N, C-alpha and C. Protein backbone atom coordinates (compact mmCIF):
# COMPACT_ATOMS: atom_id res chain seq x y z
N MET A 1 0.84 -1.19 0.00
CA MET A 1 0.00 0.00 0.00
C MET A 1 0.88 1.24 0.00
N ARG A 2 0.63 2.11 -0.94
CA ARG A 2 1.39 3.37 -1.02
C ARG A 2 0.84 4.36 -0.01
N VAL A 3 1.73 5.12 0.57
CA VAL A 3 1.35 6.12 1.54
C VAL A 3 1.55 7.49 0.90
N ASN A 4 0.53 8.33 0.98
CA ASN A 4 0.67 9.67 0.38
C ASN A 4 1.53 10.57 1.26
N ARG A 5 1.88 11.70 0.73
CA ARG A 5 2.78 12.63 1.40
C ARG A 5 2.24 13.08 2.77
N GLU A 6 0.96 13.34 2.82
CA GLU A 6 0.34 13.79 4.08
C GLU A 6 0.41 12.68 5.14
N GLN A 7 0.17 11.44 4.73
CA GLN A 7 0.26 10.32 5.67
C GLN A 7 1.71 10.10 6.13
N MET A 8 2.66 10.27 5.22
CA MET A 8 4.09 10.17 5.59
C MET A 8 4.44 11.21 6.65
N ARG A 9 3.96 12.43 6.45
CA ARG A 9 4.23 13.51 7.42
C ARG A 9 3.60 13.17 8.77
N ALA A 10 2.38 12.69 8.75
CA ALA A 10 1.69 12.34 10.00
C ALA A 10 2.41 11.17 10.70
N ASN A 11 2.84 10.19 9.92
CA ASN A 11 3.58 9.06 10.51
C ASN A 11 4.88 9.55 11.16
N ARG A 12 5.60 10.42 10.45
CA ARG A 12 6.86 10.95 10.97
C ARG A 12 6.63 11.71 12.27
N GLU A 13 5.58 12.53 12.30
CA GLU A 13 5.25 13.29 13.52
C GLU A 13 4.93 12.35 14.67
N ARG A 14 4.22 11.28 14.38
CA ARG A 14 3.88 10.30 15.43
C ARG A 14 5.13 9.61 15.95
N ILE A 15 6.05 9.26 15.05
CA ILE A 15 7.31 8.65 15.46
C ILE A 15 8.09 9.61 16.36
N LEU A 16 8.20 10.87 15.94
CA LEU A 16 8.95 11.86 16.73
C LEU A 16 8.28 12.10 18.09
N SER A 17 6.97 12.11 18.11
CA SER A 17 6.25 12.32 19.36
C SER A 17 6.50 11.17 20.34
N GLU A 18 6.39 9.94 19.84
CA GLU A 18 6.63 8.78 20.70
C GLU A 18 8.10 8.70 21.12
N ALA A 19 9.01 9.01 20.20
CA ALA A 19 10.43 9.01 20.56
C ALA A 19 10.69 10.04 21.65
N GLY A 20 10.09 11.22 21.53
CA GLY A 20 10.27 12.25 22.55
C GLY A 20 9.79 11.79 23.91
N ARG A 21 8.64 11.15 23.94
CA ARG A 21 8.11 10.64 25.21
C ARG A 21 9.01 9.56 25.79
N LEU A 22 9.36 8.59 24.97
CA LEU A 22 10.18 7.47 25.45
C LEU A 22 11.58 7.93 25.86
N PHE A 23 12.20 8.79 25.08
CA PHE A 23 13.54 9.28 25.43
C PHE A 23 13.50 10.06 26.74
N ARG A 24 12.48 10.89 26.94
CA ARG A 24 12.38 11.65 28.20
C ARG A 24 12.13 10.72 29.38
N GLU A 25 11.39 9.65 29.17
CA GLU A 25 11.12 8.71 30.27
C GLU A 25 12.34 7.89 30.64
N ARG A 26 13.12 7.44 29.62
CA ARG A 26 14.15 6.45 29.91
C ARG A 26 15.54 6.77 29.37
N GLY A 27 15.69 7.84 28.64
CA GLY A 27 17.00 8.19 28.10
C GLY A 27 17.22 7.60 26.72
N PHE A 28 18.16 8.15 26.00
CA PHE A 28 18.42 7.74 24.63
C PHE A 28 18.93 6.30 24.54
N GLU A 29 19.81 5.93 25.42
CA GLU A 29 20.44 4.61 25.34
C GLU A 29 19.52 3.46 25.74
N ASN A 30 18.47 3.77 26.48
CA ASN A 30 17.57 2.73 26.97
C ASN A 30 16.33 2.53 26.12
N VAL A 31 16.31 3.16 24.95
CA VAL A 31 15.17 3.05 24.05
C VAL A 31 15.69 2.67 22.67
N GLY A 32 15.17 1.60 22.12
CA GLY A 32 15.59 1.17 20.79
C GLY A 32 14.64 1.64 19.70
N VAL A 33 15.12 1.61 18.48
CA VAL A 33 14.34 2.01 17.33
C VAL A 33 13.06 1.17 17.21
N ALA A 34 13.17 -0.13 17.41
CA ALA A 34 12.00 -1.01 17.30
C ALA A 34 10.93 -0.61 18.31
N GLU A 35 11.35 -0.23 19.50
CA GLU A 35 10.40 0.17 20.53
C GLU A 35 9.69 1.48 20.16
N VAL A 36 10.44 2.42 19.61
CA VAL A 36 9.85 3.69 19.17
C VAL A 36 8.80 3.41 18.09
N MET A 37 9.17 2.60 17.12
CA MET A 37 8.26 2.31 16.02
C MET A 37 7.01 1.57 16.52
N ARG A 38 7.19 0.65 17.43
CA ARG A 38 6.06 -0.09 18.01
C ARG A 38 5.13 0.89 18.73
N ALA A 39 5.69 1.81 19.50
CA ALA A 39 4.89 2.80 20.22
C ALA A 39 4.13 3.71 19.26
N ALA A 40 4.71 3.94 18.09
CA ALA A 40 4.06 4.78 17.07
C ALA A 40 3.06 3.99 16.23
N GLY A 41 2.96 2.68 16.51
CA GLY A 41 2.02 1.84 15.78
C GLY A 41 2.50 1.44 14.40
N MET A 42 3.81 1.36 14.23
CA MET A 42 4.39 1.01 12.93
C MET A 42 5.42 -0.10 13.09
N THR A 43 5.85 -0.63 11.97
CA THR A 43 6.85 -1.68 12.00
C THR A 43 8.25 -1.09 11.97
N HIS A 44 9.20 -1.85 12.47
CA HIS A 44 10.60 -1.43 12.49
C HIS A 44 11.10 -1.12 11.09
N GLY A 45 10.65 -1.88 10.10
CA GLY A 45 11.11 -1.69 8.72
C GLY A 45 10.79 -0.32 8.16
N GLY A 46 9.75 0.32 8.64
CA GLY A 46 9.38 1.65 8.15
C GLY A 46 10.27 2.77 8.65
N PHE A 47 11.09 2.47 9.64
CA PHE A 47 11.93 3.51 10.26
C PHE A 47 12.81 4.21 9.25
N TYR A 48 13.47 3.44 8.40
CA TYR A 48 14.47 4.01 7.49
C TYR A 48 13.86 4.81 6.35
N GLY A 49 12.56 4.77 6.21
CA GLY A 49 11.89 5.68 5.27
C GLY A 49 11.78 7.09 5.83
N HIS A 50 12.06 7.22 7.14
CA HIS A 50 11.93 8.52 7.81
C HIS A 50 13.26 9.06 8.34
N PHE A 51 14.16 8.15 8.76
CA PHE A 51 15.39 8.55 9.42
C PHE A 51 16.57 7.73 8.91
N ALA A 52 17.74 8.34 8.88
CA ALA A 52 18.93 7.64 8.39
C ALA A 52 19.50 6.68 9.43
N SER A 53 19.28 6.99 10.73
CA SER A 53 19.87 6.20 11.81
C SER A 53 19.21 6.59 13.13
N LYS A 54 19.54 5.89 14.19
CA LYS A 54 19.03 6.29 15.50
C LYS A 54 19.59 7.65 15.88
N ASP A 55 20.84 7.93 15.54
CA ASP A 55 21.41 9.26 15.81
C ASP A 55 20.58 10.35 15.13
N ASP A 56 20.16 10.10 13.90
CA ASP A 56 19.31 11.05 13.19
C ASP A 56 17.98 11.21 13.91
N LEU A 57 17.40 10.11 14.39
CA LEU A 57 16.16 10.17 15.16
C LEU A 57 16.34 11.01 16.42
N VAL A 58 17.44 10.80 17.14
CA VAL A 58 17.72 11.57 18.35
C VAL A 58 17.78 13.06 18.03
N MET A 59 18.56 13.43 17.02
CA MET A 59 18.71 14.83 16.65
C MET A 59 17.37 15.44 16.24
N GLN A 60 16.62 14.73 15.41
CA GLN A 60 15.34 15.27 14.95
C GLN A 60 14.30 15.33 16.07
N THR A 61 14.37 14.39 16.99
CA THR A 61 13.47 14.43 18.14
C THR A 61 13.78 15.64 19.01
N LEU A 62 15.05 15.90 19.27
CA LEU A 62 15.42 17.08 20.04
C LEU A 62 14.99 18.36 19.32
N THR A 63 15.16 18.39 18.02
CA THR A 63 14.73 19.56 17.25
C THR A 63 13.23 19.77 17.41
N GLN A 64 12.46 18.70 17.33
CA GLN A 64 11.01 18.83 17.48
C GLN A 64 10.64 19.24 18.91
N LEU A 65 11.27 18.63 19.90
CA LEU A 65 10.95 18.96 21.29
C LEU A 65 11.21 20.43 21.61
N PHE A 66 12.20 21.01 20.94
CA PHE A 66 12.57 22.39 21.20
C PHE A 66 12.14 23.33 20.07
N ALA A 67 11.17 22.90 19.26
CA ALA A 67 10.72 23.74 18.15
C ALA A 67 10.21 25.08 18.67
N PRO A 68 10.50 26.14 17.93
CA PRO A 68 10.04 27.47 18.35
C PRO A 68 8.51 27.47 18.49
N ARG A 69 8.07 28.21 19.46
CA ARG A 69 6.63 28.36 19.63
C ARG A 69 6.32 29.82 19.92
N ASP A 70 5.06 30.13 19.90
CA ASP A 70 4.62 31.51 20.09
C ASP A 70 4.85 31.95 21.53
N ALA A 71 5.81 32.84 21.72
CA ALA A 71 6.14 33.31 23.07
C ALA A 71 4.99 34.10 23.68
N ALA A 72 4.09 34.63 22.85
CA ALA A 72 2.95 35.39 23.37
C ALA A 72 2.04 34.51 24.23
N SER A 73 2.07 33.20 23.99
CA SER A 73 1.22 32.29 24.77
C SER A 73 1.92 31.79 26.03
N ASP A 74 3.16 32.22 26.27
CA ASP A 74 3.88 31.80 27.46
C ASP A 74 3.19 32.33 28.71
N PRO A 75 3.09 31.51 29.75
CA PRO A 75 2.47 31.98 31.00
C PRO A 75 3.37 32.99 31.71
N ALA A 76 2.79 33.71 32.64
CA ALA A 76 3.58 34.63 33.47
C ALA A 76 4.65 33.82 34.21
N MET A 77 5.72 34.48 34.56
CA MET A 77 6.85 33.81 35.18
C MET A 77 6.45 33.05 36.45
N THR A 78 5.63 33.65 37.29
CA THR A 78 5.23 32.98 38.54
C THR A 78 4.36 31.76 38.25
N ASP A 79 3.51 31.83 37.23
CA ASP A 79 2.69 30.68 36.86
C ASP A 79 3.57 29.56 36.30
N PHE A 80 4.53 29.93 35.47
CA PHE A 80 5.47 28.96 34.91
C PHE A 80 6.24 28.27 36.02
N LEU A 81 6.71 29.03 36.99
CA LEU A 81 7.45 28.51 38.12
C LEU A 81 6.60 27.50 38.91
N ASP A 82 5.33 27.84 39.16
CA ASP A 82 4.44 26.95 39.90
C ASP A 82 4.23 25.62 39.18
N VAL A 83 4.07 25.66 37.87
CA VAL A 83 3.84 24.44 37.10
C VAL A 83 5.13 23.64 36.97
N TYR A 84 6.22 24.32 36.69
CA TYR A 84 7.49 23.63 36.44
C TYR A 84 8.00 22.92 37.69
N LEU A 85 7.95 23.59 38.82
CA LEU A 85 8.46 23.00 40.06
C LEU A 85 7.33 22.39 40.88
N SER A 86 6.54 21.57 40.22
CA SER A 86 5.41 20.91 40.87
C SER A 86 5.65 19.40 40.93
N PRO A 87 5.04 18.74 41.89
CA PRO A 87 5.13 17.28 41.94
C PRO A 87 4.60 16.62 40.66
N GLU A 88 3.58 17.20 40.05
CA GLU A 88 3.02 16.63 38.82
C GLU A 88 4.06 16.63 37.69
N HIS A 89 4.79 17.73 37.55
CA HIS A 89 5.81 17.81 36.51
C HIS A 89 6.96 16.86 36.85
N ARG A 90 7.36 16.84 38.09
CA ARG A 90 8.43 15.93 38.52
C ARG A 90 8.09 14.48 38.19
N ASP A 91 6.83 14.11 38.40
CA ASP A 91 6.41 12.72 38.25
C ASP A 91 6.02 12.35 36.81
N SER A 92 6.18 13.26 35.88
CA SER A 92 5.78 13.02 34.48
C SER A 92 6.90 13.35 33.51
N PRO A 93 8.04 12.71 33.62
CA PRO A 93 9.15 13.07 32.72
C PRO A 93 8.84 12.85 31.25
N GLY A 94 8.00 11.88 30.92
CA GLY A 94 7.71 11.58 29.52
C GLY A 94 6.99 12.69 28.79
N THR A 95 6.28 13.52 29.52
CA THR A 95 5.57 14.65 28.91
C THR A 95 6.10 15.98 29.40
N GLY A 96 7.15 15.94 30.19
CA GLY A 96 7.68 17.16 30.79
C GLY A 96 8.82 17.79 30.03
N CYS A 97 9.56 18.59 30.73
CA CYS A 97 10.65 19.38 30.17
C CYS A 97 11.75 18.51 29.57
N PRO A 98 12.04 18.69 28.28
CA PRO A 98 13.11 17.90 27.68
C PRO A 98 14.49 18.30 28.19
N THR A 99 14.66 19.54 28.62
CA THR A 99 15.96 19.96 29.14
C THR A 99 16.32 19.16 30.39
N ALA A 100 15.38 19.08 31.32
CA ALA A 100 15.64 18.35 32.56
C ALA A 100 15.78 16.85 32.31
N ALA A 101 15.01 16.32 31.38
CA ALA A 101 15.02 14.88 31.15
C ALA A 101 16.21 14.42 30.30
N LEU A 102 16.72 15.27 29.41
CA LEU A 102 17.66 14.79 28.41
C LEU A 102 19.03 15.46 28.38
N SER A 103 19.25 16.50 29.16
CA SER A 103 20.52 17.23 29.08
C SER A 103 21.74 16.36 29.31
N VAL A 104 21.71 15.55 30.34
CA VAL A 104 22.87 14.71 30.64
C VAL A 104 23.11 13.72 29.51
N ASP A 105 22.04 13.08 29.04
CA ASP A 105 22.17 12.14 27.92
C ASP A 105 22.62 12.84 26.64
N ALA A 106 22.09 14.01 26.38
CA ALA A 106 22.42 14.72 25.14
C ALA A 106 23.89 15.09 25.08
N ALA A 107 24.50 15.30 26.22
CA ALA A 107 25.93 15.63 26.24
C ALA A 107 26.78 14.50 25.66
N ARG A 108 26.23 13.29 25.64
CA ARG A 108 26.96 12.13 25.10
C ARG A 108 26.52 11.78 23.68
N GLN A 109 25.71 12.60 23.07
CA GLN A 109 25.19 12.33 21.73
C GLN A 109 26.04 13.04 20.67
N THR A 110 25.59 12.97 19.45
CA THR A 110 26.32 13.57 18.33
C THR A 110 26.33 15.09 18.44
N GLU A 111 27.23 15.68 17.70
CA GLU A 111 27.31 17.15 17.63
C GLU A 111 25.98 17.74 17.19
N ALA A 112 25.33 17.13 16.21
CA ALA A 112 24.04 17.64 15.73
C ALA A 112 22.98 17.59 16.84
N ALA A 113 22.97 16.54 17.63
CA ALA A 113 22.02 16.44 18.73
C ALA A 113 22.31 17.52 19.78
N ARG A 114 23.56 17.73 20.08
CA ARG A 114 23.92 18.77 21.07
C ARG A 114 23.55 20.15 20.55
N ARG A 115 23.71 20.39 19.25
CA ARG A 115 23.31 21.68 18.68
C ARG A 115 21.80 21.88 18.81
N SER A 116 21.02 20.83 18.59
CA SER A 116 19.57 20.93 18.74
C SER A 116 19.19 21.26 20.18
N LEU A 117 19.80 20.59 21.13
CA LEU A 117 19.53 20.87 22.53
C LEU A 117 19.98 22.28 22.89
N SER A 118 21.14 22.68 22.42
CA SER A 118 21.66 24.03 22.70
C SER A 118 20.70 25.10 22.18
N ALA A 119 20.19 24.89 20.98
CA ALA A 119 19.24 25.86 20.41
C ALA A 119 17.98 25.94 21.27
N GLY A 120 17.53 24.81 21.78
CA GLY A 120 16.36 24.80 22.63
C GLY A 120 16.59 25.52 23.96
N ILE A 121 17.75 25.29 24.55
CA ILE A 121 18.09 25.97 25.80
C ILE A 121 18.19 27.47 25.57
N GLU A 122 18.84 27.85 24.49
CA GLU A 122 18.98 29.27 24.14
C GLU A 122 17.62 29.93 23.96
N ALA A 123 16.71 29.25 23.27
CA ALA A 123 15.37 29.80 23.05
C ALA A 123 14.61 29.94 24.38
N GLN A 124 14.75 28.95 25.26
CA GLN A 124 14.05 29.03 26.55
C GLN A 124 14.58 30.19 27.38
N ILE A 125 15.88 30.38 27.39
CA ILE A 125 16.45 31.51 28.14
C ILE A 125 15.95 32.83 27.56
N ALA A 126 15.87 32.93 26.25
CA ALA A 126 15.37 34.16 25.62
C ALA A 126 13.91 34.41 25.99
N ARG A 127 13.08 33.35 26.00
CA ARG A 127 11.68 33.52 26.39
C ARG A 127 11.58 33.97 27.84
N MET A 128 12.41 33.40 28.70
CA MET A 128 12.38 33.79 30.11
C MET A 128 12.85 35.23 30.28
N ALA A 129 13.88 35.62 29.56
CA ALA A 129 14.36 37.00 29.63
C ALA A 129 13.26 37.95 29.19
N ALA A 130 12.52 37.57 28.16
CA ALA A 130 11.41 38.41 27.69
C ALA A 130 10.33 38.52 28.77
N ARG A 131 10.06 37.42 29.47
CA ARG A 131 9.08 37.46 30.57
C ARG A 131 9.53 38.42 31.66
N LEU A 132 10.84 38.50 31.85
CA LEU A 132 11.39 39.38 32.87
C LEU A 132 11.51 40.81 32.38
N GLY A 133 11.22 41.05 31.09
CA GLY A 133 11.34 42.39 30.52
C GLY A 133 12.77 42.71 30.16
N ASP A 134 13.41 41.84 29.38
CA ASP A 134 14.82 42.00 29.02
C ASP A 134 15.10 43.39 28.47
N GLU A 135 16.20 43.94 28.92
CA GLU A 135 16.62 45.27 28.49
C GLU A 135 17.84 45.15 27.59
N ALA A 136 18.20 46.27 26.97
CA ALA A 136 19.34 46.28 26.05
C ALA A 136 20.62 45.83 26.73
N GLY A 137 20.77 46.11 28.01
CA GLY A 137 21.99 45.75 28.73
C GLY A 137 22.11 44.26 28.99
N GLY A 138 21.05 43.52 28.83
CA GLY A 138 21.09 42.08 29.00
C GLY A 138 21.06 41.62 30.45
N HIS A 139 20.79 42.53 31.40
CA HIS A 139 20.75 42.15 32.81
C HIS A 139 19.74 41.03 33.05
N ASN A 140 18.57 41.13 32.44
CA ASN A 140 17.55 40.11 32.65
C ASN A 140 17.91 38.80 31.97
N ARG A 141 18.75 38.85 30.97
CA ARG A 141 19.21 37.61 30.34
C ARG A 141 20.08 36.84 31.33
N VAL A 142 20.90 37.52 32.07
CA VAL A 142 21.72 36.87 33.09
C VAL A 142 20.81 36.26 34.15
N ALA A 143 19.82 37.03 34.58
CA ALA A 143 18.87 36.52 35.57
C ALA A 143 18.10 35.32 35.02
N ALA A 144 17.67 35.42 33.77
CA ALA A 144 16.92 34.32 33.15
C ALA A 144 17.77 33.06 33.09
N THR A 145 19.05 33.20 32.76
CA THR A 145 19.94 32.04 32.72
C THR A 145 20.06 31.41 34.10
N GLY A 146 20.25 32.22 35.11
CA GLY A 146 20.37 31.70 36.47
C GLY A 146 19.09 31.05 36.96
N ILE A 147 17.96 31.68 36.69
CA ILE A 147 16.67 31.13 37.11
C ILE A 147 16.39 29.82 36.39
N TRP A 148 16.64 29.79 35.07
CA TRP A 148 16.40 28.55 34.31
C TRP A 148 17.30 27.43 34.81
N ALA A 149 18.57 27.74 35.06
CA ALA A 149 19.49 26.72 35.56
C ALA A 149 19.02 26.21 36.93
N ALA A 150 18.54 27.09 37.77
CA ALA A 150 18.04 26.67 39.09
C ALA A 150 16.79 25.81 38.95
N MET A 151 15.89 26.18 38.05
CA MET A 151 14.66 25.41 37.87
C MET A 151 14.97 24.01 37.33
N VAL A 152 15.78 23.94 36.30
CA VAL A 152 16.13 22.63 35.72
C VAL A 152 16.88 21.79 36.74
N GLY A 153 17.85 22.40 37.41
CA GLY A 153 18.62 21.67 38.42
C GLY A 153 17.74 21.15 39.54
N ALA A 154 16.80 21.97 39.99
CA ALA A 154 15.89 21.55 41.06
C ALA A 154 15.02 20.38 40.60
N LEU A 155 14.54 20.45 39.36
CA LEU A 155 13.71 19.34 38.85
C LEU A 155 14.52 18.05 38.73
N VAL A 156 15.73 18.15 38.25
CA VAL A 156 16.59 16.98 38.12
C VAL A 156 16.86 16.37 39.50
N LEU A 157 17.21 17.20 40.47
CA LEU A 157 17.47 16.71 41.83
C LEU A 157 16.22 16.12 42.46
N ALA A 158 15.08 16.79 42.27
CA ALA A 158 13.83 16.29 42.84
C ALA A 158 13.45 14.93 42.26
N ARG A 159 13.73 14.72 40.98
CA ARG A 159 13.44 13.42 40.37
C ARG A 159 14.37 12.34 40.89
N ALA A 160 15.56 12.71 41.30
CA ALA A 160 16.53 11.73 41.78
C ALA A 160 16.34 11.40 43.26
N ALA A 161 15.77 12.32 44.02
CA ALA A 161 15.66 12.15 45.47
C ALA A 161 14.38 11.44 45.88
N ASP A 162 14.43 10.81 47.05
CA ASP A 162 13.24 10.20 47.64
C ASP A 162 12.43 11.28 48.35
N ALA A 163 11.14 10.98 48.56
CA ALA A 163 10.31 11.86 49.38
C ALA A 163 10.77 11.71 50.81
N PRO A 164 10.72 12.66 51.65
CA PRO A 164 10.20 14.01 51.47
C PRO A 164 11.24 15.01 50.91
N LEU A 165 12.50 14.55 50.77
CA LEU A 165 13.53 15.46 50.24
C LEU A 165 13.13 16.00 48.87
N SER A 166 12.57 15.18 48.02
CA SER A 166 12.16 15.60 46.69
C SER A 166 11.18 16.77 46.75
N ASP A 167 10.17 16.63 47.61
CA ASP A 167 9.19 17.72 47.76
C ASP A 167 9.85 18.98 48.32
N ARG A 168 10.78 18.79 49.25
CA ARG A 168 11.45 19.95 49.85
C ARG A 168 12.31 20.68 48.81
N ILE A 169 12.99 19.94 47.95
CA ILE A 169 13.80 20.56 46.90
C ILE A 169 12.91 21.44 46.01
N LEU A 170 11.76 20.90 45.59
CA LEU A 170 10.85 21.68 44.75
C LEU A 170 10.38 22.94 45.47
N ALA A 171 9.95 22.78 46.70
CA ALA A 171 9.42 23.93 47.47
C ALA A 171 10.51 24.96 47.75
N ASP A 172 11.69 24.50 48.16
CA ASP A 172 12.77 25.45 48.47
C ASP A 172 13.24 26.19 47.22
N ALA A 173 13.38 25.48 46.12
CA ALA A 173 13.80 26.14 44.88
C ALA A 173 12.77 27.15 44.42
N LYS A 174 11.50 26.75 44.51
CA LYS A 174 10.42 27.67 44.11
C LYS A 174 10.44 28.94 44.99
N ALA A 175 10.60 28.76 46.29
CA ALA A 175 10.64 29.91 47.20
C ALA A 175 11.84 30.80 46.92
N TRP A 176 12.99 30.19 46.68
CA TRP A 176 14.21 30.97 46.41
C TRP A 176 14.06 31.76 45.11
N ILE A 177 13.57 31.11 44.06
CA ILE A 177 13.41 31.80 42.78
C ILE A 177 12.34 32.88 42.89
N ALA A 178 11.24 32.60 43.55
CA ALA A 178 10.19 33.60 43.74
C ALA A 178 10.74 34.82 44.46
N GLY A 179 11.62 34.60 45.43
CA GLY A 179 12.27 35.72 46.12
C GLY A 179 13.12 36.56 45.18
N ARG A 180 13.76 35.92 44.23
CA ARG A 180 14.56 36.64 43.23
C ARG A 180 13.65 37.45 42.32
N LEU A 181 12.50 36.88 41.99
CA LEU A 181 11.57 37.57 41.10
C LEU A 181 10.95 38.78 41.78
N ASP A 182 10.75 38.68 43.10
CA ASP A 182 10.11 39.77 43.85
C ASP A 182 11.08 40.87 44.23
N ALA A 183 12.38 40.56 44.24
CA ALA A 183 13.36 41.55 44.68
C ALA A 183 13.60 42.56 43.57
N PRO A 184 13.27 43.85 43.81
CA PRO A 184 13.46 44.86 42.77
C PRO A 184 14.95 44.99 42.40
N GLY A 185 15.19 44.99 41.11
CA GLY A 185 16.56 45.17 40.62
C GLY A 185 17.43 43.97 40.81
N ASP A 186 16.90 42.89 41.37
CA ASP A 186 17.71 41.71 41.65
C ASP A 186 17.64 40.67 40.53
N THR A 187 16.65 40.80 39.63
CA THR A 187 16.55 39.82 38.54
C THR A 187 17.32 40.21 37.35
């Protein structure tokens, strides 16, 4: 059966979506191509019609996970902080932040994969700086970088720790960052 162009695009999107979920849940090395294809409802043989290799899949998945989106729809910084540093986000790596779930693994991937992740991190910092009202001097960009690093780090630590330490990490990080946001001239 021949597949039309629109169906090929939809299949590819489904593969990338499932790869993104599985990679965030278990890491790049713990997920095979056959498993991704099975999760997407396709056979392993169809993989090479979409991707040259697993490395290509990793790079394209990272590119999709960090695809530019409309910054106008971004929530306010305090709302973003509440959602990001929540037990629900901590407990849902497969649908959560790709930076927190994949940064360590991505450091061991191809140059192309690292470039995709780097572009995503850069875009997130820029969106956060815009939320903070970035100025020409770039002061808020520095603050955005620090806040983003603290948020990602807190989520990574909270996922690694047992309760109640995990909950405390989320709460303490949220309180510390909120204090930075409330301090005039400190962000």
